[in-house]
Amino acid sequence: MRRAVYGLPATTLLLIGICAAPALAEPPAPPPTATARAELAALTVATPHSMDGYARDKFDIWSTQPDGCTTRQAVLARDGKDVQDKPGSCQPSSGSWYSVYDDTTVTDVAQATIDHMVPLTEAWRSGADTWTADQRKDFGNDLKDPQLLIASESANASKSDSGPADWKPTNHAFWCTYAKDYTHIKSVWKLTTTDGEKSALSTMLDTCTN
């Protein structure tokens, strides 16, 4: 159940037919540029691990959060504008969602996909293959760090399982934040990198102005 909005308890809102989802929180902010550069320099360069044993469901994505909503629903509520839920549900029925990868706005919730900044496959081959099931679940549903964000279907499909060595947002204005967030996730989760990825991240960090 969502928390109170408009000064009324959520239960009252349901009774009068209003199911507006509040902005639960702001997306995690990227670290300062100097911090991102230090984190990038500290990443361990290593040969990518084998994809043997990989399965997307090993990350238990979109698990249920303490409020009873799924991780996906939490991100849609957090990052959407004018979001309204279906009555008695955490599932948005309407709203708009900004896809920063390609600088577009999505108004159909079915087309507002949730992207993992560091793809699950990339995490697997850079260290997640050795994690416990709980660690992988935490990574796949990480709301504390800038790991989950809205992406249009086309941007998500274009990015797919690629990292910055092979894919960059078409919205160049997002390159700085993308590099900061990607680097921060790898640093927080102690994932390795490659020379190609490190070079691409460094190039994008060069676009930062502060």
N, C-alpha and C. Protein backbone atom coordinates (compact mmCIF):
# COMPACT_ATOMS: atom_id res chain seq x y z
N MET A 1 0.84 -1.19 0.00
CA MET A 1 0.00 0.00 0.00
C MET A 1 0.88 1.24 0.00
N ARG A 2 0.50 2.25 -0.81
CA ARG A 2 1.27 3.49 -0.87
C ARG A 2 1.05 4.32 0.40
N ARG A 3 1.98 5.19 0.66
CA ARG A 3 1.85 6.04 1.83
C ARG A 3 0.88 7.20 1.52
N ALA A 4 0.56 8.00 2.54
CA ALA A 4 -0.43 9.06 2.39
C ALA A 4 0.02 10.14 1.40
N VAL A 5 -0.94 10.68 0.64
CA VAL A 5 -0.67 11.80 -0.25
C VAL A 5 -1.81 12.79 -0.11
N TYR A 6 -1.58 14.03 -0.56
CA TYR A 6 -2.59 15.07 -0.49
C TYR A 6 -3.10 15.28 0.94
N GLY A 7 -2.33 14.86 1.95
CA GLY A 7 -2.74 15.03 3.32
C GLY A 7 -3.78 14.04 3.79
N LEU A 8 -4.10 13.02 2.95
CA LEU A 8 -5.08 12.01 3.30
C LEU A 8 -4.43 10.64 3.36
N PRO A 9 -4.88 9.77 4.26
CA PRO A 9 -4.34 8.41 4.29
C PRO A 9 -4.61 7.70 2.97
N ALA A 10 -3.73 6.78 2.61
CA ALA A 10 -3.90 6.05 1.36
C ALA A 10 -5.21 5.29 1.34
N THR A 11 -5.65 4.76 2.50
CA THR A 11 -6.91 4.01 2.54
C THR A 11 -8.09 4.90 2.19
N THR A 12 -8.05 6.15 2.65
CA THR A 12 -9.13 7.08 2.33
C THR A 12 -9.14 7.40 0.85
N LEU A 13 -7.95 7.56 0.28
CA LEU A 13 -7.86 7.84 -1.15
C LEU A 13 -8.45 6.71 -1.97
N LEU A 14 -8.21 5.48 -1.55
CA LEU A 14 -8.76 4.34 -2.27
C LEU A 14 -10.28 4.36 -2.21
N LEU A 15 -10.84 4.73 -1.05
CA LEU A 15 -12.28 4.74 -0.89
C LEU A 15 -12.94 5.79 -1.77
N ILE A 16 -12.24 6.92 -1.99
CA ILE A 16 -12.85 7.96 -2.81
C ILE A 16 -12.39 7.87 -4.26
N GLY A 17 -11.65 6.81 -4.57
CA GLY A 17 -11.33 6.53 -5.95
C GLY A 17 -10.09 7.21 -6.48
N ILE A 18 -9.27 7.77 -5.59
CA ILE A 18 -8.03 8.42 -6.03
C ILE A 18 -6.86 7.51 -5.71
N CYS A 19 -6.08 7.21 -6.73
CA CYS A 19 -4.94 6.32 -6.51
C CYS A 19 -3.68 6.96 -7.07
N ALA A 20 -3.40 8.15 -6.65
CA ALA A 20 -2.22 8.84 -7.16
C ALA A 20 -1.00 8.34 -6.40
N ALA A 21 0.01 7.90 -7.13
CA ALA A 21 1.24 7.41 -6.49
C ALA A 21 2.15 8.58 -6.23
N PRO A 22 2.59 8.79 -5.01
CA PRO A 22 3.49 9.89 -4.71
C PRO A 22 4.90 9.59 -5.19
N ALA A 23 5.70 10.65 -5.31
CA ALA A 23 7.12 10.44 -5.58
C ALA A 23 7.73 9.92 -4.28
N LEU A 24 8.12 8.66 -4.26
CA LEU A 24 8.59 8.04 -3.03
C LEU A 24 9.93 8.59 -2.59
N ALA A 25 10.76 8.96 -3.56
CA ALA A 25 12.09 9.48 -3.25
C ALA A 25 12.71 9.95 -4.55
N GLU A 26 13.78 10.67 -4.43
CA GLU A 26 14.53 11.06 -5.61
C GLU A 26 15.46 9.91 -6.00
N PRO A 27 15.75 9.74 -7.30
CA PRO A 27 16.75 8.74 -7.68
C PRO A 27 18.08 9.06 -7.01
N PRO A 28 18.88 8.06 -6.68
CA PRO A 28 20.19 8.32 -6.05
C PRO A 28 21.03 9.25 -6.90
N ALA A 29 21.63 10.23 -6.29
CA ALA A 29 22.44 11.21 -7.01
C ALA A 29 23.79 10.61 -7.39
N PRO A 30 24.35 11.02 -8.53
CA PRO A 30 25.68 10.53 -8.92
C PRO A 30 26.74 11.14 -8.01
N PRO A 31 27.86 10.48 -7.87
CA PRO A 31 28.94 11.04 -7.05
C PRO A 31 29.58 12.23 -7.76
N PRO A 32 30.33 13.06 -7.03
CA PRO A 32 31.08 14.14 -7.68
C PRO A 32 32.07 13.57 -8.69
N THR A 33 32.45 14.38 -9.65
CA THR A 33 33.37 13.92 -10.70
C THR A 33 34.68 13.41 -10.11
N ALA A 34 35.23 14.14 -9.14
CA ALA A 34 36.50 13.72 -8.54
C ALA A 34 36.37 12.35 -7.89
N THR A 35 35.23 12.11 -7.25
CA THR A 35 34.99 10.80 -6.62
C THR A 35 34.90 9.72 -7.69
N ALA A 36 34.19 10.02 -8.77
CA ALA A 36 34.03 9.04 -9.84
C ALA A 36 35.39 8.69 -10.46
N ARG A 37 36.23 9.70 -10.65
CA ARG A 37 37.56 9.44 -11.22
C ARG A 37 38.39 8.57 -10.28
N ALA A 38 38.28 8.83 -8.99
CA ALA A 38 39.02 8.02 -8.02
C ALA A 38 38.49 6.59 -8.00
N GLU A 39 37.17 6.44 -8.06
CA GLU A 39 36.58 5.11 -8.09
C GLU A 39 37.00 4.35 -9.35
N LEU A 40 37.02 5.06 -10.48
CA LEU A 40 37.42 4.41 -11.73
C LEU A 40 38.87 3.96 -11.66
N ALA A 41 39.73 4.80 -11.14
CA ALA A 41 41.15 4.46 -11.04
C ALA A 41 41.36 3.24 -10.14
N ALA A 42 40.48 3.06 -9.16
CA ALA A 42 40.64 1.96 -8.20
C ALA A 42 40.03 0.64 -8.68
N LEU A 43 39.25 0.66 -9.77
CA LEU A 43 38.65 -0.58 -10.26
C LEU A 43 39.74 -1.54 -10.74
N THR A 44 39.55 -2.79 -10.48
CA THR A 44 40.50 -3.82 -10.90
C THR A 44 40.22 -4.23 -12.35
N VAL A 45 41.24 -4.15 -13.18
CA VAL A 45 41.12 -4.61 -14.57
C VAL A 45 41.37 -6.11 -14.60
N ALA A 46 40.45 -6.85 -15.19
CA ALA A 46 40.58 -8.31 -15.21
C ALA A 46 39.89 -8.87 -16.43
N THR A 47 40.28 -10.06 -16.80
CA THR A 47 39.63 -10.76 -17.91
C THR A 47 38.20 -11.12 -17.51
N PRO A 48 37.22 -10.83 -18.35
CA PRO A 48 35.83 -11.17 -18.01
C PRO A 48 35.67 -12.66 -17.72
N HIS A 49 34.85 -12.99 -16.74
CA HIS A 49 34.59 -14.38 -16.38
C HIS A 49 33.71 -15.03 -17.45
N SER A 50 33.65 -16.33 -17.40
CA SER A 50 32.78 -17.09 -18.29
C SER A 50 31.31 -16.81 -17.95
N MET A 51 30.45 -16.92 -18.95
CA MET A 51 29.01 -16.77 -18.72
C MET A 51 28.37 -18.10 -18.32
N ASP A 52 29.18 -19.12 -18.11
CA ASP A 52 28.65 -20.43 -17.70
C ASP A 52 27.81 -20.28 -16.43
N GLY A 53 26.64 -20.84 -16.44
CA GLY A 53 25.77 -20.82 -15.28
C GLY A 53 24.89 -19.59 -15.15
N TYR A 54 25.08 -18.61 -16.04
CA TYR A 54 24.30 -17.38 -15.93
C TYR A 54 22.83 -17.63 -16.26
N ALA A 55 21.96 -17.01 -15.48
CA ALA A 55 20.54 -16.96 -15.75
C ALA A 55 19.99 -15.68 -15.12
N ARG A 56 19.17 -14.97 -15.84
CA ARG A 56 18.63 -13.71 -15.35
C ARG A 56 17.87 -13.90 -14.04
N ASP A 57 17.18 -15.03 -13.92
CA ASP A 57 16.38 -15.23 -12.70
C ASP A 57 17.24 -15.48 -11.46
N LYS A 58 18.55 -15.65 -11.64
CA LYS A 58 19.42 -15.80 -10.47
C LYS A 58 19.57 -14.48 -9.71
N PHE A 59 19.11 -13.37 -10.31
CA PHE A 59 19.16 -12.07 -9.65
C PHE A 59 17.80 -11.70 -9.04
N ASP A 60 16.82 -12.56 -9.20
CA ASP A 60 15.51 -12.39 -8.56
C ASP A 60 15.00 -10.95 -8.71
N ILE A 61 15.07 -10.43 -9.94
CA ILE A 61 14.69 -9.03 -10.15
C ILE A 61 13.20 -8.81 -9.95
N TRP A 62 12.90 -7.60 -9.57
CA TRP A 62 11.55 -7.10 -9.29
C TRP A 62 10.92 -7.86 -8.12
N SER A 63 11.74 -8.15 -7.12
CA SER A 63 11.23 -8.78 -5.91
C SER A 63 10.37 -7.80 -5.13
N THR A 64 9.65 -8.31 -4.14
CA THR A 64 8.74 -7.48 -3.35
C THR A 64 9.49 -6.67 -2.31
N GLN A 65 9.19 -5.38 -2.25
CA GLN A 65 9.79 -4.47 -1.27
C GLN A 65 8.97 -4.51 0.04
N PRO A 66 9.50 -3.93 1.12
CA PRO A 66 8.80 -3.96 2.40
C PRO A 66 7.37 -3.41 2.36
N ASP A 67 7.09 -2.48 1.43
CA ASP A 67 5.75 -1.90 1.37
C ASP A 67 4.77 -2.77 0.56
N GLY A 68 5.24 -3.91 0.07
CA GLY A 68 4.38 -4.82 -0.68
C GLY A 68 4.41 -4.60 -2.18
N CYS A 69 5.05 -3.53 -2.63
CA CYS A 69 5.17 -3.26 -4.06
C CYS A 69 6.45 -3.91 -4.59
N THR A 70 6.50 -4.19 -5.88
CA THR A 70 7.71 -4.76 -6.46
C THR A 70 8.75 -3.67 -6.69
N THR A 71 9.97 -4.08 -6.92
CA THR A 71 11.03 -3.12 -7.20
C THR A 71 10.70 -2.31 -8.45
N ARG A 72 10.17 -2.97 -9.47
CA ARG A 72 9.81 -2.25 -10.70
C ARG A 72 8.76 -1.18 -10.42
N GLN A 73 7.74 -1.54 -9.64
CA GLN A 73 6.70 -0.57 -9.31
C GLN A 73 7.26 0.58 -8.49
N ALA A 74 8.22 0.28 -7.62
CA ALA A 74 8.85 1.33 -6.80
C ALA A 74 9.59 2.33 -7.68
N VAL A 75 10.29 1.86 -8.70
CA VAL A 75 11.02 2.76 -9.60
C VAL A 75 10.05 3.57 -10.45
N LEU A 76 8.98 2.94 -10.93
CA LEU A 76 7.98 3.66 -11.72
C LEU A 76 7.35 4.78 -10.90
N ALA A 77 7.07 4.51 -9.61
CA ALA A 77 6.50 5.53 -8.73
C ALA A 77 7.52 6.62 -8.41
N ARG A 78 8.75 6.21 -8.18
CA ARG A 78 9.81 7.15 -7.80
C ARG A 78 10.16 8.10 -8.93
N ASP A 79 10.26 7.58 -10.12
CA ASP A 79 10.80 8.35 -11.24
C ASP A 79 9.74 8.87 -12.21
N GLY A 80 8.48 8.55 -11.97
CA GLY A 80 7.43 9.01 -12.87
C GLY A 80 6.88 10.37 -12.49
N LYS A 81 6.08 10.93 -13.37
CA LYS A 81 5.42 12.21 -13.15
C LYS A 81 3.92 12.00 -13.27
N ASP A 82 3.17 12.55 -12.32
CA ASP A 82 1.70 12.43 -12.32
C ASP A 82 1.27 10.97 -12.41
N VAL A 83 1.94 10.13 -11.65
CA VAL A 83 1.64 8.69 -11.69
C VAL A 83 0.38 8.39 -10.88
N GLN A 84 -0.51 7.62 -11.47
CA GLN A 84 -1.70 7.14 -10.76
C GLN A 84 -1.73 5.62 -10.83
N ASP A 85 -2.02 5.01 -9.69
CA ASP A 85 -2.07 3.55 -9.61
C ASP A 85 -3.47 3.03 -9.92
N LYS A 86 -3.52 1.77 -10.30
CA LYS A 86 -4.81 1.10 -10.39
C LYS A 86 -5.37 0.98 -8.97
N PRO A 87 -6.69 1.09 -8.80
CA PRO A 87 -7.28 1.03 -7.46
C PRO A 87 -6.83 -0.20 -6.68
N GLY A 88 -6.38 0.03 -5.45
CA GLY A 88 -5.96 -1.06 -4.57
C GLY A 88 -4.71 -1.76 -5.01
N SER A 89 -3.91 -1.11 -5.85
CA SER A 89 -2.75 -1.77 -6.43
C SER A 89 -1.55 -0.85 -6.41
N CYS A 90 -0.36 -1.44 -6.51
CA CYS A 90 0.87 -0.66 -6.67
C CYS A 90 1.16 -0.40 -8.14
N GLN A 91 0.40 -1.00 -9.03
CA GLN A 91 0.70 -0.93 -10.46
C GLN A 91 0.18 0.37 -11.07
N PRO A 92 1.08 1.20 -11.64
CA PRO A 92 0.63 2.44 -12.26
C PRO A 92 -0.31 2.18 -13.44
N SER A 93 -1.33 3.01 -13.55
CA SER A 93 -2.23 2.94 -14.69
C SER A 93 -1.98 4.08 -15.67
N SER A 94 -1.39 5.16 -15.17
CA SER A 94 -1.10 6.29 -16.05
C SER A 94 0.03 7.12 -15.45
N GLY A 95 0.58 8.00 -16.27
CA GLY A 95 1.69 8.84 -15.85
C GLY A 95 2.62 9.09 -17.02
N SER A 96 3.74 9.68 -16.75
CA SER A 96 4.76 9.86 -17.79
C SER A 96 6.13 9.59 -17.18
N TRP A 97 7.02 9.07 -18.01
CA TRP A 97 8.33 8.65 -17.53
C TRP A 97 9.39 9.12 -18.52
N TYR A 98 10.40 9.78 -18.01
CA TYR A 98 11.46 10.32 -18.86
C TYR A 98 12.59 9.32 -19.02
N SER A 99 12.93 9.02 -20.25
CA SER A 99 14.02 8.11 -20.58
C SER A 99 15.25 8.95 -20.92
N VAL A 100 16.16 9.06 -19.97
CA VAL A 100 17.29 9.97 -20.15
C VAL A 100 18.29 9.43 -21.16
N TYR A 101 18.33 8.13 -21.40
CA TYR A 101 19.25 7.57 -22.38
C TYR A 101 19.07 8.21 -23.76
N ASP A 102 17.79 8.40 -24.14
CA ASP A 102 17.52 8.92 -25.48
C ASP A 102 16.69 10.20 -25.48
N ASP A 103 16.58 10.83 -24.29
CA ASP A 103 15.91 12.13 -24.18
C ASP A 103 14.48 12.07 -24.73
N THR A 104 13.73 11.05 -24.32
CA THR A 104 12.34 10.92 -24.75
C THR A 104 11.45 10.71 -23.52
N THR A 105 10.18 10.99 -23.68
CA THR A 105 9.21 10.79 -22.61
C THR A 105 8.22 9.71 -23.03
N VAL A 106 7.97 8.78 -22.14
CA VAL A 106 7.06 7.67 -22.37
C VAL A 106 5.79 7.91 -21.56
N THR A 107 4.63 7.76 -22.19
CA THR A 107 3.36 7.95 -21.47
C THR A 107 2.57 6.66 -21.35
N ASP A 108 3.05 5.59 -21.94
CA ASP A 108 2.44 4.27 -21.79
C ASP A 108 3.31 3.47 -20.83
N VAL A 109 2.74 3.11 -19.67
CA VAL A 109 3.54 2.43 -18.65
C VAL A 109 4.14 1.13 -19.17
N ALA A 110 3.49 0.49 -20.11
CA ALA A 110 4.01 -0.76 -20.66
C ALA A 110 5.31 -0.53 -21.44
N GLN A 111 5.53 0.70 -21.87
CA GLN A 111 6.73 1.02 -22.63
C GLN A 111 7.81 1.68 -21.77
N ALA A 112 7.52 1.85 -20.48
CA ALA A 112 8.50 2.41 -19.55
C ALA A 112 9.25 1.26 -18.89
N THR A 113 10.32 0.84 -19.52
CA THR A 113 11.07 -0.30 -19.00
C THR A 113 12.05 0.19 -17.93
N ILE A 114 12.47 -0.73 -17.08
CA ILE A 114 13.46 -0.41 -16.04
C ILE A 114 14.78 -1.06 -16.44
N ASP A 115 15.80 -0.24 -16.54
CA ASP A 115 17.12 -0.73 -16.96
C ASP A 115 18.06 -0.83 -15.77
N HIS A 116 18.91 -1.85 -15.81
CA HIS A 116 20.01 -1.96 -14.85
C HIS A 116 21.21 -1.22 -15.44
N MET A 117 21.64 -0.18 -14.77
CA MET A 117 22.77 0.62 -15.26
C MET A 117 23.94 -0.29 -15.63
N VAL A 118 24.38 -1.13 -14.71
CA VAL A 118 25.34 -2.18 -15.02
C VAL A 118 24.53 -3.44 -15.32
N PRO A 119 24.51 -3.89 -16.58
CA PRO A 119 23.69 -5.04 -16.95
C PRO A 119 24.00 -6.27 -16.10
N LEU A 120 23.00 -7.09 -15.92
CA LEU A 120 23.17 -8.29 -15.11
C LEU A 120 24.24 -9.21 -15.69
N THR A 121 24.27 -9.31 -17.01
CA THR A 121 25.30 -10.15 -17.64
C THR A 121 26.70 -9.58 -17.39
N GLU A 122 26.81 -8.26 -17.46
CA GLU A 122 28.10 -7.62 -17.20
C GLU A 122 28.51 -7.84 -15.76
N ALA A 123 27.56 -7.75 -14.85
CA ALA A 123 27.87 -8.01 -13.44
C ALA A 123 28.35 -9.45 -13.27
N TRP A 124 27.68 -10.37 -13.95
CA TRP A 124 28.04 -11.79 -13.82
C TRP A 124 29.48 -12.04 -14.24
N ARG A 125 29.86 -11.47 -15.39
CA ARG A 125 31.21 -11.76 -15.88
C ARG A 125 32.28 -10.90 -15.22
N SER A 126 31.85 -9.98 -14.35
CA SER A 126 32.85 -9.18 -13.64
C SER A 126 32.83 -9.41 -12.14
N GLY A 127 32.21 -10.55 -11.73
CA GLY A 127 32.31 -10.94 -10.33
C GLY A 127 31.07 -11.51 -9.69
N ALA A 128 29.89 -11.22 -10.24
CA ALA A 128 28.65 -11.69 -9.61
C ALA A 128 28.47 -13.19 -9.71
N ASP A 129 29.25 -13.84 -10.57
CA ASP A 129 29.16 -15.30 -10.68
C ASP A 129 29.61 -15.98 -9.39
N THR A 130 30.36 -15.26 -8.56
CA THR A 130 30.85 -15.84 -7.30
C THR A 130 30.01 -15.43 -6.10
N TRP A 131 28.99 -14.61 -6.31
CA TRP A 131 28.17 -14.11 -5.21
C TRP A 131 27.19 -15.17 -4.71
N THR A 132 26.66 -14.89 -3.54
CA THR A 132 25.57 -15.71 -3.00
C THR A 132 24.26 -15.29 -3.68
N ALA A 133 23.25 -16.10 -3.50
CA ALA A 133 21.93 -15.77 -4.06
C ALA A 133 21.41 -14.46 -3.49
N ASP A 134 21.63 -14.22 -2.21
CA ASP A 134 21.16 -12.98 -1.58
C ASP A 134 21.88 -11.76 -2.15
N GLN A 135 23.17 -11.89 -2.39
CA GLN A 135 23.92 -10.77 -2.97
C GLN A 135 23.40 -10.44 -4.36
N ARG A 136 23.15 -11.47 -5.16
CA ARG A 136 22.63 -11.21 -6.50
C ARG A 136 21.24 -10.58 -6.46
N LYS A 137 20.41 -11.03 -5.52
CA LYS A 137 19.08 -10.44 -5.37
C LYS A 137 19.20 -8.96 -5.00
N ASP A 138 20.09 -8.64 -4.07
CA ASP A 138 20.30 -7.26 -3.66
C ASP A 138 20.75 -6.40 -4.84
N PHE A 139 21.62 -6.94 -5.66
CA PHE A 139 22.11 -6.21 -6.82
C PHE A 139 20.99 -5.99 -7.85
N GLY A 140 20.23 -7.02 -8.10
CA GLY A 140 19.17 -6.93 -9.10
C GLY A 140 18.04 -6.01 -8.71
N ASN A 141 17.95 -5.68 -7.41
CA ASN A 141 16.87 -4.84 -6.90
C ASN A 141 17.40 -3.64 -6.13
N ASP A 142 18.58 -3.17 -6.51
CA ASP A 142 19.28 -2.12 -5.76
C ASP A 142 18.63 -0.75 -5.94
N LEU A 143 17.95 -0.28 -4.90
CA LEU A 143 17.34 1.05 -4.91
C LEU A 143 18.19 2.08 -4.18
N LYS A 144 19.24 1.62 -3.49
CA LYS A 144 20.09 2.54 -2.73
C LYS A 144 21.09 3.25 -3.62
N ASP A 145 21.53 2.60 -4.66
CA ASP A 145 22.55 3.13 -5.56
C ASP A 145 21.91 3.45 -6.91
N PRO A 146 22.60 4.22 -7.77
CA PRO A 146 22.02 4.61 -9.06
C PRO A 146 22.08 3.49 -10.10
N GLN A 147 21.48 2.35 -9.77
CA GLN A 147 21.55 1.17 -10.61
C GLN A 147 20.30 0.97 -11.47
N LEU A 148 19.15 1.47 -11.01
CA LEU A 148 17.89 1.25 -11.72
C LEU A 148 17.34 2.58 -12.23
N LEU A 149 17.00 2.62 -13.52
CA LEU A 149 16.46 3.85 -14.09
C LEU A 149 15.49 3.53 -15.22
N ILE A 150 14.66 4.51 -15.52
CA ILE A 150 13.68 4.38 -16.60
C ILE A 150 14.39 4.43 -17.95
N ALA A 151 13.96 3.58 -18.86
CA ALA A 151 14.46 3.62 -20.23
C ALA A 151 13.32 3.29 -21.18
N SER A 152 13.28 3.97 -22.29
CA SER A 152 12.29 3.63 -23.31
C SER A 152 12.60 2.23 -23.83
N GLU A 153 11.61 1.60 -24.43
CA GLU A 153 11.83 0.26 -24.97
C GLU A 153 12.95 0.26 -25.99
N SER A 154 12.99 1.28 -26.85
CA SER A 154 14.02 1.31 -27.90
C SER A 154 15.41 1.51 -27.31
N ALA A 155 15.53 2.37 -26.28
CA ALA A 155 16.84 2.58 -25.66
C ALA A 155 17.30 1.34 -24.93
N ASN A 156 16.37 0.68 -24.24
CA ASN A 156 16.71 -0.53 -23.50
C ASN A 156 17.13 -1.64 -24.46
N ALA A 157 16.42 -1.75 -25.58
CA ALA A 157 16.76 -2.78 -26.57
C ALA A 157 18.11 -2.48 -27.20
N SER A 158 18.39 -1.20 -27.45
CA SER A 158 19.66 -0.81 -28.05
C SER A 158 20.82 -1.11 -27.12
N LYS A 159 20.65 -0.80 -25.84
CA LYS A 159 21.70 -1.06 -24.87
C LYS A 159 21.85 -2.55 -24.61
N SER A 160 20.72 -3.23 -24.40
CA SER A 160 20.70 -4.67 -24.15
C SER A 160 21.67 -5.02 -23.02
N ASP A 161 22.63 -5.90 -23.28
CA ASP A 161 23.58 -6.34 -22.26
C ASP A 161 24.93 -5.63 -22.37
N SER A 162 24.97 -4.55 -23.14
CA SER A 162 26.25 -3.89 -23.42
C SER A 162 26.68 -2.95 -22.29
N GLY A 163 27.97 -2.84 -22.14
CA GLY A 163 28.56 -1.85 -21.25
C GLY A 163 29.06 -0.68 -22.07
N PRO A 164 29.67 0.32 -21.44
CA PRO A 164 30.08 1.54 -22.13
C PRO A 164 31.15 1.35 -23.19
N ALA A 165 31.86 0.24 -23.18
CA ALA A 165 32.85 0.00 -24.24
C ALA A 165 32.17 -0.26 -25.58
N ASP A 166 30.92 -0.73 -25.53
CA ASP A 166 30.20 -1.09 -26.75
C ASP A 166 28.94 -0.27 -26.99
N TRP A 167 28.50 0.48 -25.99
CA TRP A 167 27.26 1.25 -26.13
C TRP A 167 27.34 2.51 -25.29
N LYS A 168 26.83 3.60 -25.85
CA LYS A 168 26.73 4.85 -25.10
C LYS A 168 25.36 5.47 -25.37
N PRO A 169 24.80 6.20 -24.42
CA PRO A 169 23.50 6.83 -24.63
C PRO A 169 23.53 7.77 -25.84
N THR A 170 22.45 7.77 -26.62
CA THR A 170 22.37 8.72 -27.74
C THR A 170 22.25 10.15 -27.23
N ASN A 171 21.78 10.31 -26.01
CA ASN A 171 21.70 11.62 -25.37
C ASN A 171 23.07 11.95 -24.76
N HIS A 172 23.88 12.67 -25.51
CA HIS A 172 25.25 12.97 -25.07
C HIS A 172 25.27 13.76 -23.76
N ALA A 173 24.20 14.50 -23.49
CA ALA A 173 24.14 15.29 -22.26
C ALA A 173 24.13 14.40 -21.03
N PHE A 174 23.83 13.13 -21.21
CA PHE A 174 23.78 12.19 -20.08
C PHE A 174 25.10 11.43 -19.91
N TRP A 175 26.04 11.61 -20.80
CA TRP A 175 27.28 10.84 -20.73
C TRP A 175 27.99 10.99 -19.39
N CYS A 176 28.07 12.20 -18.88
CA CYS A 176 28.77 12.43 -17.62
C CYS A 176 28.12 11.63 -16.49
N THR A 177 26.81 11.77 -16.34
CA THR A 177 26.11 11.06 -15.27
C THR A 177 26.16 9.55 -15.47
N TYR A 178 26.02 9.13 -16.72
CA TYR A 178 26.10 7.69 -17.03
C TYR A 178 27.43 7.12 -16.56
N ALA A 179 28.51 7.80 -16.89
CA ALA A 179 29.85 7.32 -16.51
C ALA A 179 30.02 7.33 -15.00
N LYS A 180 29.53 8.38 -14.34
CA LYS A 180 29.63 8.45 -12.88
C LYS A 180 28.86 7.30 -12.22
N ASP A 181 27.61 7.12 -12.67
CA ASP A 181 26.76 6.10 -12.06
C ASP A 181 27.30 4.69 -12.33
N TYR A 182 27.69 4.44 -13.56
CA TYR A 182 28.21 3.11 -13.92
C TYR A 182 29.46 2.78 -13.10
N THR A 183 30.36 3.75 -13.03
CA THR A 183 31.59 3.56 -12.27
C THR A 183 31.28 3.33 -10.79
N HIS A 184 30.34 4.11 -10.27
CA HIS A 184 30.00 3.99 -8.85
C HIS A 184 29.43 2.62 -8.53
N ILE A 185 28.57 2.11 -9.40
CA ILE A 185 27.99 0.78 -9.18
C ILE A 185 29.09 -0.28 -9.17
N LYS A 186 29.99 -0.20 -10.13
CA LYS A 186 31.09 -1.17 -10.17
C LYS A 186 31.96 -1.07 -8.90
N SER A 187 32.15 0.16 -8.43
CA SER A 187 32.97 0.36 -7.23
C SER A 187 32.28 -0.18 -5.99
N VAL A 188 31.01 0.18 -5.81
CA VAL A 188 30.26 -0.24 -4.63
C VAL A 188 30.17 -1.76 -4.54
N TRP A 189 29.94 -2.39 -5.69
CA TRP A 189 29.75 -3.84 -5.71
C TRP A 189 31.04 -4.62 -5.97
N LYS A 190 32.16 -3.88 -6.02
CA LYS A 190 33.49 -4.49 -6.17
C LYS A 190 33.57 -5.39 -7.41
N LEU A 191 33.03 -4.87 -8.51
CA LEU A 191 33.08 -5.58 -9.78
C LEU A 191 34.32 -5.14 -10.55
N THR A 192 34.82 -6.01 -11.39
CA THR A 192 36.01 -5.70 -12.17
C THR A 192 35.63 -4.95 -13.45
N THR A 193 36.63 -4.48 -14.15
CA THR A 193 36.43 -3.78 -15.41
C THR A 193 37.43 -4.31 -16.44
N THR A 194 37.38 -3.76 -17.65
CA THR A 194 38.34 -4.10 -18.68
C THR A 194 39.01 -2.81 -19.14
N ASP A 195 40.10 -2.94 -19.87
CA ASP A 195 40.77 -1.74 -20.38
C ASP A 195 39.83 -0.94 -21.28
N GLY A 196 39.08 -1.65 -22.13
CA GLY A 196 38.17 -0.96 -23.03
C GLY A 196 37.07 -0.22 -22.29
N GLU A 197 36.51 -0.86 -21.28
CA GLU A 197 35.46 -0.22 -20.50
C GLU A 197 36.02 0.97 -19.73
N LYS A 198 37.18 0.80 -19.14
CA LYS A 198 37.79 1.87 -18.35
C LYS A 198 38.08 3.09 -19.23
N SER A 199 38.55 2.85 -20.44
CA SER A 199 38.85 3.94 -21.37
C SER A 199 37.57 4.68 -21.77
N ALA A 200 36.50 3.91 -22.04
CA ALA A 200 35.23 4.52 -22.43
C ALA A 200 34.67 5.37 -21.29
N LEU A 201 34.74 4.86 -20.07
CA LEU A 201 34.24 5.61 -18.92
C LEU A 201 35.05 6.89 -18.69
N SER A 202 36.36 6.79 -18.86
CA SER A 202 37.21 7.96 -18.69
C SER A 202 36.87 9.04 -19.72
N THR A 203 36.63 8.61 -20.95
CA THR A 203 36.27 9.56 -22.02
C THR A 203 34.96 10.27 -21.70
N MET A 204 33.99 9.53 -21.18
CA MET A 204 32.71 10.15 -20.84
C MET A 204 32.82 11.04 -19.62
N LEU A 205 33.68 10.68 -18.67
CA LEU A 205 33.89 11.56 -17.53
C LEU A 205 34.53 12.89 -17.95
N ASP A 206 35.23 12.88 -19.07
CA ASP A 206 35.82 14.12 -19.57
C ASP A 206 34.77 15.13 -20.01
N THR A 207 33.52 14.67 -20.19
CA THR A 207 32.44 15.59 -20.57
C THR A 207 31.84 16.30 -19.36
N CYS A 208 32.23 15.89 -18.15
CA CYS A 208 31.68 16.50 -16.94
C CYS A 208 32.23 17.92 -16.77
N THR A 209 31.35 18.79 -16.29
CA THR A 209 31.75 20.17 -16.07
C THR A 209 31.91 20.50 -14.59
N ASN A 210 31.52 19.55 -13.73
CA ASN A 210 31.71 19.79 -12.30
C ASN A 210 31.86 18.45 -11.59
